[in-house]
Amino acid sequence: MTATTTSPALACLVQPYVFFQGRCEEAIGFYAAAIGAQVEQLMRFDESPDPAPEGLLQPGHEHKVMHAAVRIGHSVVLMSDGCGTEPPAAGFSLALQVPTKEAAERAFHALAEGGTVVMPLGPTFWSPCYGMLTDRFGIGWMVNTLEPFPAG
C-alpha cells in the first residue's frame, strides 16, 4: 500500500506520552529549568471527573499527575505519573533539535545533570554538534544542532 497526500495517517500528529513512575511533577520542573518547557495542561488523578477504576492506582497516587501537556519549543510532550505499575521507559529517546552549537551545549549539559552521558557532544557526519544522554528520570535524549557545517 502506498501512502498518498490524502492518507489519514499523513493528517495525524504523533506525540510521545512519557510516564515517570510517580516523579512527573519533578520531571516537569526539571525540564522547565533545563530547556524552558512550559505546562499547557495538568490534571491530577483526584481532579478527574470520573474516579479511577477500583484497584488501578497504587495507594498514595491520588494526587499524582494523571495527564500533562508540556510544550518544549514547537512540540508538545504528554506526561503522566501513570498508575504506578508502568515499567521504566525503554526503546525510545526524545530528539531535541536546536538552532546552534551554543544552544546544544546549554541544553545537553542541563539535561545531563544527574543523568548519564551516553555520547558526548561533538561533530558527526550529519551535524556539527550532536550528543546522547539519559536524564535523571531515565529518559533518553538526543541533542542535535540544525546549524549548518562551516563552509570549506
C-alpha atoms as a PDB file:
ATOM      1  CA  MET A   1       0.000   0.000   0.000  1.00  0.00           C
ATOM      2  CA  THR A   2       1.350   3.412  -0.957  1.00  0.00           C
ATOM      3  CA  ALA A   3       0.604   6.493   1.124  1.00  0.00           C
ATOM      4  CA  THR A   4      -0.871   9.468  -0.670  1.00  0.00           C
ATOM      5  CA  THR A   5      -1.270  13.067   0.388  1.00  0.00           C
ATOM      6  CA  THR A   6      -4.893  12.308   1.262  1.00  0.00           C
ATOM      7  CA  SER A   7      -3.963   9.425   3.561  1.00  0.00           C
ATOM      8  CA  PRO A   8      -5.455   9.861   7.049  1.00  0.00           C
ATOM      9  CA  ALA A   9      -2.071   8.900   8.515  1.00  0.00           C
ATOM     10  CA  LEU A  10      -0.482  11.972   6.929  1.00  0.00           C
ATOM     11  CA  ALA A  11      -3.024  14.218   8.642  1.00  0.00           C
ATOM     12  CA  CYS A  12      -2.086  12.828  12.080  1.00  0.00           C
ATOM     13  CA  LEU A  13       0.094  14.157  14.831  1.00  0.00           C
ATOM     14  CA  VAL A  14       2.256  11.724  16.782  1.00  0.00           C
ATOM     15  CA  GLN A  15       3.092  12.845  20.312  1.00  0.00           C
ATOM     16  CA  PRO A  16       5.236  10.981  22.807  1.00  0.00           C
ATOM     17  CA  TYR A  17       3.479  10.087  26.056  1.00  0.00           C
ATOM     18  CA  VAL A  18       6.084   9.619  28.768  1.00  0.00           C
ATOM     19  CA  PHE A  19       5.437   8.004  32.169  1.00  0.00           C
ATOM     20  CA  PHE A  20       7.514   8.983  35.208  1.00  0.00           C
ATOM     21  CA  GLN A  21       6.597   6.403  37.885  1.00  0.00           C
ATOM     22  CA  GLY A  22       5.498   8.999  40.433  1.00  0.00           C
ATOM     23  CA  ARG A  23       8.070  11.703  39.539  1.00  0.00           C
ATOM     24  CA  CYS A  24       6.184  13.572  36.793  1.00  0.00           C
ATOM     25  CA  GLU A  25       5.860  16.870  38.654  1.00  0.00           C
ATOM     26  CA  GLU A  26       9.580  16.781  39.483  1.00  0.00           C
ATOM     27  CA  ALA A  27      10.380  15.998  35.827  1.00  0.00           C
ATOM     28  CA  ILE A  28       8.250  18.884  34.580  1.00  0.00           C
ATOM     29  CA  GLY A  29      10.084  21.297  36.893  1.00  0.00           C
ATOM     30  CA  PHE A  30      13.438  19.915  35.757  1.00  0.00           C
ATOM     31  CA  TYR A  31      12.569  20.297  32.055  1.00  0.00           C
ATOM     32  CA  ALA A  32      11.251  23.825  32.668  1.00  0.00           C
ATOM     33  CA  ALA A  33      14.581  24.842  34.215  1.00  0.00           C
ATOM     34  CA  ALA A  34      16.768  22.862  31.792  1.00  0.00           C
ATOM     35  CA  ILE A  35      15.144  23.581  28.426  1.00  0.00           C
ATOM     36  CA  GLY A  36      12.317  26.060  29.005  1.00  0.00           C
ATOM     37  CA  ALA A  37       9.441  23.557  28.988  1.00  0.00           C
ATOM     38  CA  GLN A  38       6.027  25.102  29.687  1.00  0.00           C
ATOM     39  CA  VAL A  39       2.985  23.357  31.140  1.00  0.00           C
ATOM     40  CA  GLU A  40      -0.063  23.793  28.916  1.00  0.00           C
ATOM     41  CA  GLN A  41      -2.310  21.399  30.809  1.00  0.00           C
ATOM     42  CA  LEU A  42      -2.044  19.419  34.045  1.00  0.00           C
ATOM     43  CA  MET A  43      -4.635  17.246  35.770  1.00  0.00           C
ATOM     44  CA  ARG A  44      -4.167  15.093  38.841  1.00  0.00           C
ATOM     45  CA  PHE A  45      -5.931  11.780  39.406  1.00  0.00           C
ATOM     46  CA  ASP A  46      -8.054  13.278  42.201  1.00  0.00           C
ATOM     47  CA  GLU A  47      -9.207  16.086  39.853  1.00  0.00           C
ATOM     48  CA  SER A  48     -10.684  13.727  37.277  1.00  0.00           C
ATOM     49  CA  PRO A  49     -14.465  13.983  36.843  1.00  0.00           C
ATOM     50  CA  ASP A  50     -14.508  10.169  36.701  1.00  0.00           C
ATOM     51  CA  PRO A  51     -12.864   8.226  39.515  1.00  0.00           C
ATOM     52  CA  ALA A  52     -10.141   5.741  38.647  1.00  0.00           C
ATOM     53  CA  PRO A  53     -11.372   2.146  38.489  1.00  0.00           C
ATOM     54  CA  GLU A  54     -11.078   0.271  41.774  1.00  0.00           C
ATOM     55  CA  GLY A  55      -7.544  -1.002  42.340  1.00  0.00           C
ATOM     56  CA  LEU A  56      -6.000   0.854  39.376  1.00  0.00           C
ATOM     57  CA  LEU A  57      -3.995   3.373  41.419  1.00  0.00           C
ATOM     58  CA  GLN A  58      -1.398   2.451  43.980  1.00  0.00           C
ATOM     59  CA  PRO A  59      -2.147   3.864  47.456  1.00  0.00           C
ATOM     60  CA  GLY A  60      -0.950   7.466  47.750  1.00  0.00           C
ATOM     61  CA  HIS A  61      -1.086   8.031  43.986  1.00  0.00           C
ATOM     62  CA  GLU A  62      -4.350  10.016  44.108  1.00  0.00           C
ATOM     63  CA  HIS A  63      -2.659  13.442  43.947  1.00  0.00           C
ATOM     64  CA  LYS A  64      -0.102  12.413  41.313  1.00  0.00           C
ATOM     65  CA  VAL A  65      -0.195  13.741  37.729  1.00  0.00           C
ATOM     66  CA  MET A  66      -2.749  11.863  35.637  1.00  0.00           C
ATOM     67  CA  HIS A  67      -2.074  13.869  32.469  1.00  0.00           C
ATOM     68  CA  ALA A  68       0.098  16.809  31.492  1.00  0.00           C
ATOM     69  CA  ALA A  69       0.742  18.502  28.164  1.00  0.00           C
ATOM     70  CA  VAL A  70       4.157  20.165  28.211  1.00  0.00           C
ATOM     71  CA  ARG A  71       5.403  22.417  25.408  1.00  0.00           C
ATOM     72  CA  ILE A  72       9.072  22.118  24.503  1.00  0.00           C
ATOM     73  CA  GLY A  73       9.778  24.531  21.667  1.00  0.00           C
ATOM     74  CA  HIS A  74       7.303  23.764  18.868  1.00  0.00           C
ATOM     75  CA  SER A  75       6.385  20.321  20.241  1.00  0.00           C
ATOM     76  CA  VAL A  76       4.068  19.107  22.966  1.00  0.00           C
ATOM     77  CA  VAL A  77       5.142  16.100  25.011  1.00  0.00           C
ATOM     78  CA  LEU A  78       2.437  14.351  27.015  1.00  0.00           C
ATOM     79  CA  MET A  79       3.428  13.217  30.506  1.00  0.00           C
ATOM     80  CA  SER A  80       1.978  11.320  33.448  1.00  0.00           C
ATOM     81  CA  ASP A  81       2.911   9.621  36.676  1.00  0.00           C
ATOM     82  CA  GLY A  82       0.958   6.642  35.389  1.00  0.00           C
ATOM     83  CA  CYS A  83      -0.815   4.366  37.804  1.00  0.00           C
ATOM     84  CA  GLY A  84       2.386   3.272  39.467  1.00  0.00           C
ATOM     85  CA  THR A  85       2.668  -0.010  37.608  1.00  0.00           C
ATOM     86  CA  GLU A  86       4.257   1.014  34.293  1.00  0.00           C
ATOM     87  CA  PRO A  87       7.780  -0.236  33.588  1.00  0.00           C
ATOM     88  CA  PRO A  88      10.541   2.377  33.207  1.00  0.00           C
ATOM     89  CA  ALA A  89      10.875   3.977  29.777  1.00  0.00           C
ATOM     90  CA  ALA A  90      12.832   1.933  27.235  1.00  0.00           C
ATOM     91  CA  GLY A  91      13.176   1.650  23.491  1.00  0.00           C
ATOM     92  CA  PHE A  92      12.966   5.329  22.591  1.00  0.00           C
ATOM     93  CA  SER A  93      14.671   8.694  23.003  1.00  0.00           C
ATOM     94  CA  LEU A  94      13.429  12.242  22.643  1.00  0.00           C
ATOM     95  CA  ALA A  95      15.306  14.145  19.934  1.00  0.00           C
ATOM     96  CA  LEU A  96      15.849  17.819  20.719  1.00  0.00           C
ATOM     97  CA  GLN A  97      16.698  19.897  17.637  1.00  0.00           C
ATOM     98  CA  VAL A  98      18.275  23.263  18.440  1.00  0.00           C
ATOM     99  CA  PRO A  99      19.486  26.025  16.104  1.00  0.00           C
ATOM    100  CA  THR A 100      23.092  26.489  17.268  1.00  0.00           C
ATOM    101  CA  LYS A 101      26.024  24.709  18.873  1.00  0.00           C
ATOM    102  CA  GLU A 102      25.748  27.011  21.892  1.00  0.00           C
ATOM    103  CA  ALA A 103      22.085  26.081  22.376  1.00  0.00           C
ATOM    104  CA  ALA A 104      23.003  22.393  22.057  1.00  0.00           C
ATOM    105  CA  GLU A 105      25.701  22.753  24.714  1.00  0.00           C
ATOM    106  CA  ARG A 106      23.331  24.527  27.138  1.00  0.00           C
ATOM    107  CA  ALA A 107      20.513  22.006  26.670  1.00  0.00           C
ATOM    108  CA  PHE A 108      22.793  18.957  26.740  1.00  0.00           C
ATOM    109  CA  HIS A 109      24.593  19.913  29.944  1.00  0.00           C
ATOM    110  CA  ALA A 110      21.350  20.923  31.674  1.00  0.00           C
ATOM    111  CA  LEU A 111      19.584  17.676  30.728  1.00  0.00           C
ATOM    112  CA  ALA A 112      22.627  15.582  31.680  1.00  0.00           C
ATOM    113  CA  GLU A 113      22.713  16.968  35.243  1.00  0.00           C
ATOM    114  CA  GLY A 114      22.093  13.970  37.481  1.00  0.00           C
ATOM    115  CA  GLY A 115      21.918  11.676  34.456  1.00  0.00           C
ATOM    116  CA  THR A 116      24.368   9.774  32.267  1.00  0.00           C
ATOM    117  CA  VAL A 117      26.143  10.950  29.135  1.00  0.00           C
ATOM    118  CA  VAL A 118      25.896   8.195  26.517  1.00  0.00           C
ATOM    119  CA  MET A 119      27.719  10.028  23.716  1.00  0.00           C
ATOM    120  CA  PRO A 120      29.444  13.355  24.443  1.00  0.00           C
ATOM    121  CA  LEU A 121      28.573  16.356  22.305  1.00  0.00           C
ATOM    122  CA  GLY A 122      30.674  16.571  19.197  1.00  0.00           C
ATOM    123  CA  PRO A 123      30.636  16.779  15.425  1.00  0.00           C
ATOM    124  CA  THR A 124      29.164  13.954  13.359  1.00  0.00           C
ATOM    125  CA  PHE A 125      28.794  13.495   9.639  1.00  0.00           C
ATOM    126  CA  TRP A 126      25.242  14.929   9.829  1.00  0.00           C
ATOM    127  CA  SER A 127      25.671  17.666  12.420  1.00  0.00           C
ATOM    128  CA  PRO A 128      28.372  19.956  13.761  1.00  0.00           C
ATOM    129  CA  CYS A 129      27.107  19.215  17.297  1.00  0.00           C
ATOM    130  CA  TYR A 130      25.306  16.043  18.435  1.00  0.00           C
ATOM    131  CA  GLY A 131      25.199  14.084  21.689  1.00  0.00           C
ATOM    132  CA  MET A 132      23.143  11.496  23.556  1.00  0.00           C
ATOM    133  CA  LEU A 133      22.278  11.208  27.238  1.00  0.00           C
ATOM    134  CA  THR A 134      19.910   9.584  29.667  1.00  0.00           C
ATOM    135  CA  ASP A 135      18.465  12.103  32.100  1.00  0.00           C
ATOM    136  CA  ARG A 136      17.886  11.613  35.829  1.00  0.00           C
ATOM    137  CA  PHE A 137      14.415  10.208  35.085  1.00  0.00           C
ATOM    138  CA  GLY A 138      15.693   7.501  32.738  1.00  0.00           C
ATOM    139  CA  ILE A 139      14.570   9.316  29.576  1.00  0.00           C
ATOM    140  CA  GLY A 140      16.938   9.161  26.621  1.00  0.00           C
ATOM    141  CA  TRP A 141      17.709  12.402  24.784  1.00  0.00           C
ATOM    142  CA  MET A 142      19.493  13.067  21.511  1.00  0.00           C
ATOM    143  CA  VAL A 143      20.542  16.717  21.235  1.00  0.00           C
ATOM    144  CA  ASN A 144      21.282  17.848  17.697  1.00  0.00           C
ATOM    145  CA  THR A 145      22.077  21.238  16.221  1.00  0.00           C
ATOM    146  CA  LEU A 146      20.487  22.245  12.948  1.00  0.00           C
ATOM    147  CA  GLU A 147      23.266  24.763  12.362  1.00  0.00           C
ATOM    148  CA  PRO A 148      24.951  24.077   9.013  1.00  0.00           C
ATOM    149  CA  PHE A 149      28.541  22.901   8.824  1.00  0.00           C
ATOM    150  CA  PRO A 150      31.087  25.683   8.300  1.00  0.00           C
ATOM    151  CA  ALA A 151      31.915  26.213   4.619  1.00  0.00           C
ATOM    152  CA  GLY A 152      35.140  24.723   3.350  1.00  0.00           C
END
